[in-house]
């Protein structure tokens, strides 16, 4: 693979856990909660399971 461009790369760090309030949130509030989770995990240097899987794939490249 010569080039990869990931979309929604914040999911490499965190996901938005479902709760009963989510369906009632306005789109802007939903994205605010999602981005806050992403940002906190990025600052902490913590990867989500998806991030760990992609990191593992990249480390095994020749």
PDB file of N, CA and C in Angstrom:
ATOM      1  N   UNK A   1       0.838  -1.152   0.000  1.00  0.00           N
ATOM      2  CA  UNK A   1       0.000   0.000   0.000  1.00  0.00           C
ATOM      3  C   UNK A   1       0.902   1.240   0.000  1.00  0.00           C
ATOM      4  N   UNK A   2       0.740   2.085  -0.976  1.00  0.00           N
ATOM      5  CA  UNK A   2       1.586   3.268  -1.068  1.00  0.00           C
ATOM      6  C   UNK A   2       0.985   4.480  -0.372  1.00  0.00           C
ATOM      7  N   UNK A   3      -0.339   4.555  -0.333  1.00  0.00           N
ATOM      8  CA  UNK A   3      -0.978   5.732   0.237  1.00  0.00           C
ATOM      9  C   UNK A   3      -2.289   5.329   0.891  1.00  0.00           C
ATOM     10  N   UNK A   4      -2.503   5.813   2.079  1.00  0.00           N
ATOM     11  CA  UNK A   4      -3.760   5.583   2.783  1.00  0.00           C
ATOM     12  C   UNK A   4      -4.187   6.900   3.405  1.00  0.00           C
ATOM     13  N   UNK A   5      -5.433   7.240   3.251  1.00  0.00           N
ATOM     14  CA  UNK A   5      -5.982   8.443   3.862  1.00  0.00           C
ATOM     15  C   UNK A   5      -7.201   8.036   4.677  1.00  0.00           C
ATOM     16  N   UNK A   6      -7.066   8.116   5.986  1.00  0.00           N
ATOM     17  CA  UNK A   6      -8.149   7.676   6.866  1.00  0.00           C
ATOM     18  C   UNK A   6      -9.140   8.803   7.126  1.00  0.00           C
ATOM     19  N   UNK A   7     -10.409   8.456   7.116  1.00  0.00           N
ATOM     20  CA  UNK A   7     -11.479   9.379   7.456  1.00  0.00           C
ATOM     21  C   UNK A   7     -12.018   8.956   8.804  1.00  0.00           C
ATOM     22  N   UNK A   8     -12.430   9.881   9.624  1.00  0.00           N
ATOM     23  CA  UNK A   8     -12.888   9.593  10.990  1.00  0.00           C
ATOM     24  C   UNK A   8     -11.756   8.945  11.787  1.00  0.00           C
ATOM     25  N   UNK A   9     -10.550   9.440  11.647  1.00  0.00           N
ATOM     26  CA  UNK A   9      -9.390   8.861  12.322  1.00  0.00           C
ATOM     27  C   UNK A   9      -9.461   9.009  13.843  1.00  0.00           C
ATOM     28  N   UNK A  10     -10.370   9.833  14.330  1.00  0.00           N
ATOM     29  CA  UNK A  10     -10.575   9.923  15.775  1.00  0.00           C
ATOM     30  C   UNK A  10     -10.978   8.592  16.377  1.00  0.00           C
ATOM     31  N   UNK A  11     -11.566   7.724  15.561  1.00  0.00           N
ATOM     32  CA  UNK A  11     -11.966   6.390  16.036  1.00  0.00           C
ATOM     33  C   UNK A  11     -10.755   5.514  16.332  1.00  0.00           C
ATOM     34  N   UNK A  12      -9.565   5.952  15.959  1.00  0.00           N
ATOM     35  CA  UNK A  12      -8.357   5.239  16.358  1.00  0.00           C
ATOM     36  C   UNK A  12      -8.057   5.490  17.840  1.00  0.00           C
ATOM     37  N   UNK A  13      -8.762   6.442  18.430  1.00  0.00           N
ATOM     38  CA  UNK A  13      -8.522   6.814  19.821  1.00  0.00           C
ATOM     39  C   UNK A  13      -9.708   6.555  20.737  1.00  0.00           C
ATOM     40  N   UNK A  14     -10.905   6.800  20.286  1.00  0.00           N
ATOM     41  CA  UNK A  14     -12.059   6.651  21.174  1.00  0.00           C
ATOM     42  C   UNK A  14     -13.337   6.493  20.366  1.00  0.00           C
ATOM     43  N   UNK A  15     -14.327   5.895  20.997  1.00  0.00           N
ATOM     44  CA  UNK A  15     -15.664   5.768  20.424  1.00  0.00           C
ATOM     45  C   UNK A  15     -16.644   6.465  21.352  1.00  0.00           C
ATOM     46  N   UNK A  16     -17.782   6.798  20.841  1.00  0.00           N
ATOM     47  CA  UNK A  16     -18.846   7.363  21.661  1.00  0.00           C
ATOM     48  C   UNK A  16     -19.744   6.220  22.113  1.00  0.00           C
ATOM     49  N   UNK A  17     -19.704   5.923  23.398  1.00  0.00           N
ATOM     50  CA  UNK A  17     -20.515   4.834  23.941  1.00  0.00           C
ATOM     51  C   UNK A  17     -21.992   5.214  23.881  1.00  0.00           C
ATOM     52  N   UNK A  18     -22.808   4.266  23.488  1.00  0.00           N
ATOM     53  CA  UNK A  18     -24.234   4.531  23.374  1.00  0.00           C
ATOM     54  C   UNK A  18     -24.865   4.659  24.752  1.00  0.00           C
ATOM     55  N   UNK A  19     -25.754   5.624  24.879  1.00  0.00           N
ATOM     56  CA  UNK A  19     -26.624   5.699  26.049  1.00  0.00           C
ATOM     57  C   UNK A  19     -27.972   6.243  25.584  1.00  0.00           C
ATOM     58  N   UNK A  20     -28.955   6.192  26.444  1.00  0.00           N
ATOM     59  CA  UNK A  20     -30.319   6.570  26.057  1.00  0.00           C
ATOM     60  C   UNK A  20     -30.459   8.044  25.687  1.00  0.00           C
ATOM     61  N   UNK A  21     -29.517   8.876  26.089  1.00  0.00           N
ATOM     62  CA  UNK A  21     -29.593  10.311  25.779  1.00  0.00           C
ATOM     63  C   UNK A  21     -29.155  10.616  24.346  1.00  0.00           C
ATOM     64  N   UNK A  22     -28.350   9.753  23.741  1.00  0.00           N
ATOM     65  CA  UNK A  22     -27.803  10.058  22.409  1.00  0.00           C
ATOM     66  C   UNK A  22     -28.860  10.355  21.349  1.00  0.00           C
ATOM     67  N   UNK A  23     -29.929   9.567  21.257  1.00  0.00           N
ATOM     68  CA  UNK A  23     -30.905   9.866  20.200  1.00  0.00           C
ATOM     69  C   UNK A  23     -31.577  11.232  20.345  1.00  0.00           C
ATOM     70  N   UNK A  24     -31.546  11.792  21.544  1.00  0.00           N
ATOM     71  CA  UNK A  24     -32.197  13.087  21.776  1.00  0.00           C
ATOM     72  C   UNK A  24     -31.249  14.273  21.606  1.00  0.00           C
ATOM     73  N   UNK A  25     -29.974  14.017  21.416  1.00  0.00           N
ATOM     74  CA  UNK A  25     -29.016  15.108  21.279  1.00  0.00           C
ATOM     75  C   UNK A  25     -29.065  15.717  19.882  1.00  0.00           C
ATOM     76  N   UNK A  26     -28.867  17.013  19.843  1.00  0.00           N
ATOM     77  CA  UNK A  26     -28.719  17.693  18.555  1.00  0.00           C
ATOM     78  C   UNK A  26     -27.396  17.244  17.943  1.00  0.00           C
ATOM     79  N   UNK A  27     -27.303  17.297  16.643  1.00  0.00           N
ATOM     80  CA  UNK A  27     -26.095  16.874  15.957  1.00  0.00           C
ATOM     81  C   UNK A  27     -24.843  17.561  16.476  1.00  0.00           C
ATOM     82  N   UNK A  28     -24.941  18.864  16.732  1.00  0.00           N
ATOM     83  CA  UNK A  28     -23.764  19.594  17.218  1.00  0.00           C
ATOM     84  C   UNK A  28     -23.325  19.086  18.586  1.00  0.00           C
ATOM     85  N   UNK A  29     -24.280  18.756  19.459  1.00  0.00           N
ATOM     86  CA  UNK A  29     -23.937  18.228  20.781  1.00  0.00           C
ATOM     87  C   UNK A  29     -23.354  16.817  20.689  1.00  0.00           C
ATOM     88  N   UNK A  30     -23.859  16.053  19.771  1.00  0.00           N
ATOM     89  CA  UNK A  30     -23.356  14.701  19.560  1.00  0.00           C
ATOM     90  C   UNK A  30     -21.890  14.741  19.124  1.00  0.00           C
ATOM     91  N   UNK A  31     -21.578  15.595  18.165  1.00  0.00           N
ATOM     92  CA  UNK A  31     -20.204  15.721  17.697  1.00  0.00           C
ATOM     93  C   UNK A  31     -19.299  16.333  18.769  1.00  0.00           C
ATOM     94  N   UNK A  32     -19.850  17.222  19.589  1.00  0.00           N
ATOM     95  CA  UNK A  32     -19.063  17.791  20.678  1.00  0.00           C
ATOM     96  C   UNK A  32     -18.647  16.694  21.661  1.00  0.00           C
ATOM     97  N   UNK A  33     -19.573  15.821  22.026  1.00  0.00           N
ATOM     98  CA  UNK A  33     -19.239  14.712  22.936  1.00  0.00           C
ATOM     99  C   UNK A  33     -18.220  13.774  22.296  1.00  0.00           C
ATOM    100  N   UNK A  34     -18.398  13.483  21.040  1.00  0.00           N
ATOM    101  CA  UNK A  34     -17.476  12.602  20.334  1.00  0.00           C
ATOM    102  C   UNK A  34     -16.079  13.208  20.286  1.00  0.00           C
ATOM    103  N   UNK A  35     -15.987  14.480  19.917  1.00  0.00           N
ATOM    104  CA  UNK A  35     -14.698  15.140  19.808  1.00  0.00           C
ATOM    105  C   UNK A  35     -14.003  15.295  21.157  1.00  0.00           C
ATOM    106  N   UNK A  36     -14.767  15.515  22.223  1.00  0.00           N
ATOM    107  CA  UNK A  36     -14.166  15.609  23.554  1.00  0.00           C
ATOM    108  C   UNK A  36     -13.506  14.282  23.932  1.00  0.00           C
ATOM    109  N   UNK A  37     -14.171  13.176  23.624  1.00  0.00           N
ATOM    110  CA  UNK A  37     -13.603  11.856  23.902  1.00  0.00           C
ATOM    111  C   UNK A  37     -12.351  11.606  23.089  1.00  0.00           C
ATOM    112  N   UNK A  38     -12.397  11.952  21.808  1.00  0.00           N
ATOM    113  CA  UNK A  38     -11.227  11.783  20.939  1.00  0.00           C
ATOM    114  C   UNK A  38     -10.048  12.590  21.482  1.00  0.00           C
ATOM    115  N   UNK A  39     -10.301  13.846  21.789  1.00  0.00           N
ATOM    116  CA  UNK A  39      -9.240  14.749  22.219  1.00  0.00           C
ATOM    117  C   UNK A  39      -8.601  14.272  23.525  1.00  0.00           C
ATOM    118  N   UNK A  40      -9.415  13.824  24.472  1.00  0.00           N
ATOM    119  CA  UNK A  40      -8.885  13.353  25.753  1.00  0.00           C
ATOM    120  C   UNK A  40      -7.968  12.148  25.559  1.00  0.00           C
ATOM    121  N   UNK A  41      -8.375  11.224  24.703  1.00  0.00           N
ATOM    122  CA  UNK A  41      -7.565  10.026  24.467  1.00  0.00           C
ATOM    123  C   UNK A  41      -6.301  10.348  23.665  1.00  0.00           C
ATOM    124  N   UNK A  42      -6.399  11.288  22.741  1.00  0.00           N
ATOM    125  CA  UNK A  42      -5.214  11.704  21.987  1.00  0.00           C
ATOM    126  C   UNK A  42      -4.188  12.302  22.941  1.00  0.00           C
ATOM    127  N   UNK A  43      -4.635  13.195  23.839  1.00  0.00           N
ATOM    128  CA  UNK A  43      -3.722  13.805  24.800  1.00  0.00           C
ATOM    129  C   UNK A  43      -3.096  12.765  25.726  1.00  0.00           C
ATOM    130  N   UNK A  44      -3.878  11.734  26.083  1.00  0.00           N
ATOM    131  CA  UNK A  44      -3.384  10.689  26.976  1.00  0.00           C
ATOM    132  C   UNK A  44      -2.531   9.657  26.233  1.00  0.00           C
ATOM    133  N   UNK A  45      -2.553   9.705  24.897  1.00  0.00           N
ATOM    134  CA  UNK A  45      -1.793   8.742  24.106  1.00  0.00           C
ATOM    135  C   UNK A  45      -2.386   7.347  24.128  1.00  0.00           C
ATOM    136  N   UNK A  46      -3.702   7.261  24.319  1.00  0.00           N
ATOM    137  CA  UNK A  46      -4.385   5.967  24.395  1.00  0.00           C
ATOM    138  C   UNK A  46      -5.098   5.668  23.084  1.00  0.00           C
ATOM    139  N   UNK A  47      -4.914   4.464  22.588  1.00  0.00           N
ATOM    140  CA  UNK A  47      -5.570   4.032  21.358  1.00  0.00           C
ATOM    141  C   UNK A  47      -6.790   3.179  21.673  1.00  0.00           C
ATOM    142  N   UNK A  48      -7.764   3.246  20.784  1.00  0.00           N
ATOM    143  CA  UNK A  48      -8.916   2.347  20.859  1.00  0.00           C
ATOM    144  C   UNK A  48      -8.492   0.989  20.301  1.00  0.00           C
ATOM    145  N   UNK A  49      -9.316  -0.039  20.435  1.00  0.00           N
ATOM    146  CA  UNK A  49      -8.983  -1.317  19.807  1.00  0.00           C
ATOM    147  C   UNK A  49      -8.740  -1.190  18.294  1.00  0.00           C
ATOM    148  N   UNK A  50      -9.466  -0.311  17.641  1.00  0.00           N
ATOM    149  CA  UNK A  50      -9.233  -0.078  16.214  1.00  0.00           C
ATOM    150  C   UNK A  50      -7.853   0.530  15.988  1.00  0.00           C
ATOM    151  N   UNK A  51      -7.489   1.501  16.809  1.00  0.00           N
ATOM    152  CA  UNK A  51      -6.169   2.116  16.699  1.00  0.00           C
ATOM    153  C   UNK A  51      -5.051   1.121  16.943  1.00  0.00           C
ATOM    154  N   UNK A  52      -5.232   0.247  17.927  1.00  0.00           N
ATOM    155  CA  UNK A  52      -4.226  -0.779  18.223  1.00  0.00           C
ATOM    156  C   UNK A  52      -4.080  -1.735  17.044  1.00  0.00           C
ATOM    157  N   UNK A  53      -5.198  -2.110  16.437  1.00  0.00           N
ATOM    158  CA  UNK A  53      -5.145  -3.035  15.297  1.00  0.00           C
ATOM    159  C   UNK A  53      -4.406  -2.412  14.118  1.00  0.00           C
ATOM    160  N   UNK A  54      -4.693  -1.156  13.801  1.00  0.00           N
ATOM    161  CA  UNK A  54      -3.996  -0.503  12.696  1.00  0.00           C
ATOM    162  C   UNK A  54      -2.526  -0.270  13.023  1.00  0.00           C
ATOM    163  N   UNK A  55      -2.221   0.055  14.263  1.00  0.00           N
ATOM    164  CA  UNK A  55      -0.836   0.223  14.665  1.00  0.00           C
ATOM    165  C   UNK A  55      -0.066  -1.083  14.461  1.00  0.00           C
ATOM    166  N   UNK A  56      -0.695  -2.180  14.820  1.00  0.00           N
ATOM    167  CA  UNK A  56      -0.072  -3.489  14.640  1.00  0.00           C
ATOM    168  C   UNK A  56       0.170  -3.786  13.167  1.00  0.00           C
ATOM    169  N   UNK A  57      -0.786  -3.459  12.322  1.00  0.00           N
ATOM    170  CA  UNK A  57      -0.625  -3.666  10.884  1.00  0.00           C
ATOM    171  C   UNK A  57       0.533  -2.850  10.321  1.00  0.00           C
ATOM    172  N   UNK A  58       0.635  -1.619  10.776  1.00  0.00           N
ATOM    173  CA  UNK A  58       1.693  -0.748  10.274  1.00  0.00           C
ATOM    174  C   UNK A  58       3.077  -1.184  10.760  1.00  0.00           C
ATOM    175  N   UNK A  59       3.139  -1.725  11.950  1.00  0.00           N
ATOM    176  CA  UNK A  59       4.427  -2.194  12.488  1.00  0.00           C
ATOM    177  C   UNK A  59       4.926  -3.444  11.786  1.00  0.00           C
ATOM    178  N   UNK A  60       4.041  -4.192  11.167  1.00  0.00           N
ATOM    179  CA  UNK A  60       4.450  -5.425  10.497  1.00  0.00           C
ATOM    180  C   UNK A  60       4.828  -5.199   9.039  1.00  0.00           C
ATOM    181  N   UNK A  61       4.759  -3.964   8.610  1.00  0.00           N
ATOM    182  CA  UNK A  61       5.148  -3.637   7.222  1.00  0.00           C
ATOM    183  C   UNK A  61       6.636  -3.862   7.029  1.00  0.00           C
ATOM    184  N   UNK A  62       7.017  -4.339   5.859  1.00  0.00           N
ATOM    185  CA  UNK A  62       8.460  -4.515   5.572  1.00  0.00           C
ATOM    186  C   UNK A  62       9.177  -3.201   5.440  1.00  0.00           C
TER     187      UNK A  62
END
